[in-house]
Amino acid sequence: MNGWNKERLAFNPWYPIYYFALSGIAALVSGFYFVSQGATWKNFGFIMLSGHLISTGVAGITVYISELNRAFLMISILFSILAAVSFFLRK
């Protein structure tokens, strides 16, 4: 969904950026859903993946505050790197 929004924003500078909040809400809800599951807490990779979804969701919601948006995107990158390393090192 963000790819579609970015493409529309590239061709139309008056495209409302509050549409980015829709994908942010979806990521936030799915992240909280996975955190609430008991099986998630037994695997470090799933915890990191849930953290990535939550921080990406918050970044999508705070699209108007660029400093906060960048901070949560950086946190999201850290969570995703840790999740990827964890999944690649699994037995």
Protein backbone atom coordinates (compact mmCIF):
# COMPACT_ATOMS: atom_id res chain seq x y z
CA MET A 1 0.00 0.00 0.00
CA ASN A 2 2.86 2.39 0.72
CA GLY A 3 4.28 1.78 -2.74
CA TRP A 4 0.98 2.81 -4.28
CA ASN A 5 0.85 5.91 -2.07
CA LYS A 6 4.44 6.86 -2.92
CA GLU A 7 3.78 6.50 -6.62
CA ARG A 8 0.67 8.67 -6.40
CA LEU A 9 2.58 11.25 -4.33
CA ALA A 10 5.39 11.33 -6.93
CA PHE A 11 3.00 12.16 -9.75
CA ASN A 12 0.66 14.38 -7.76
CA PRO A 13 2.26 16.75 -5.23
CA TRP A 14 -1.18 17.56 -3.80
CA TYR A 15 -1.87 13.93 -2.91
CA PRO A 16 -2.99 13.82 0.73
CA ILE A 17 -0.34 12.09 2.81
CA TYR A 18 -2.80 11.04 5.49
CA TYR A 19 -3.44 7.98 3.29
CA PHE A 20 -0.11 6.67 4.60
CA ALA A 21 -1.82 6.27 7.96
CA LEU A 22 -3.99 3.47 6.54
CA SER A 23 -1.03 1.14 6.06
CA GLY A 24 0.37 2.35 9.37
CA ILE A 25 -2.81 1.33 11.17
CA ALA A 26 -2.74 -2.09 9.49
CA ALA A 27 0.88 -2.66 10.54
CA LEU A 28 0.19 -1.44 14.09
CA VAL A 29 -2.83 -3.70 14.54
CA SER A 30 -1.02 -6.75 13.16
CA GLY A 31 2.01 -6.06 15.35
CA PHE A 32 -0.13 -5.85 18.48
CA TYR A 33 -1.96 -9.01 17.44
CA PHE A 34 1.30 -10.95 17.15
CA VAL A 35 2.57 -9.55 20.46
CA SER A 36 -0.60 -10.75 22.18
CA GLN A 37 -0.02 -14.35 21.04
CA GLY A 38 1.77 -16.66 23.45
CA ALA A 39 3.81 -18.41 20.75
CA THR A 40 5.43 -15.12 19.75
CA TRP A 41 7.15 -14.78 23.12
CA LYS A 42 8.91 -18.11 22.66
CA ASN A 43 10.86 -16.98 19.58
CA PHE A 44 13.21 -14.00 19.51
CA GLY A 45 12.72 -13.50 15.76
CA PHE A 46 8.96 -13.19 16.11
CA ILE A 47 9.35 -10.65 18.90
CA MET A 48 11.65 -8.58 16.68
CA LEU A 49 9.24 -8.93 13.75
CA SER A 50 6.39 -7.71 15.96
CA GLY A 51 8.52 -4.77 17.06
CA HIS A 52 9.20 -3.99 13.41
CA LEU A 53 5.49 -3.99 12.61
CA ILE A 54 4.64 -1.79 15.60
CA SER A 55 7.36 0.76 14.88
CA THR A 56 6.46 0.82 11.17
CA GLY A 57 2.83 1.38 12.14
CA VAL A 58 3.72 4.27 14.40
CA ALA A 59 5.89 5.74 11.64
CA GLY A 60 2.96 5.51 9.24
CA ILE A 61 0.67 7.27 11.68
CA THR A 62 3.18 10.05 12.41
CA VAL A 63 3.76 10.92 8.77
CA TYR A 64 3.23 14.65 9.39
CA ILE A 65 5.93 14.86 12.07
CA SER A 66 9.05 14.15 10.04
CA GLU A 67 11.53 13.85 12.94
CA LEU A 68 9.34 11.37 14.79
CA ASN A 69 8.61 9.52 11.56
CA ARG A 70 12.33 9.12 10.80
CA ALA A 71 13.08 8.00 14.36
CA PHE A 72 10.47 5.24 14.23
CA LEU A 73 11.62 4.17 10.77
CA MET A 74 15.18 3.83 12.12
CA ILE A 75 13.88 1.76 15.04
CA SER A 76 11.94 -0.32 12.52
CA ILE A 77 15.12 -0.95 10.53
CA LEU A 78 16.93 -2.14 13.65
CA PHE A 79 14.10 -4.52 14.53
CA SER A 80 13.97 -5.90 10.99
CA ILE A 81 17.74 -6.50 10.85
CA LEU A 82 17.63 -8.36 14.16
CA ALA A 83 14.63 -10.39 12.97
CA ALA A 84 16.37 -11.31 9.71
CA VAL A 85 19.56 -12.36 11.48
CA SER A 86 17.54 -14.38 13.96
CA PHE A 87 15.62 -16.19 11.23
CA PHE A 88 18.76 -16.93 9.21
CA LEU A 89 20.58 -18.34 12.24
CA ARG A 90 17.74 -20.69 13.22
CA LYS A 91 18.41 -24.40 13.20
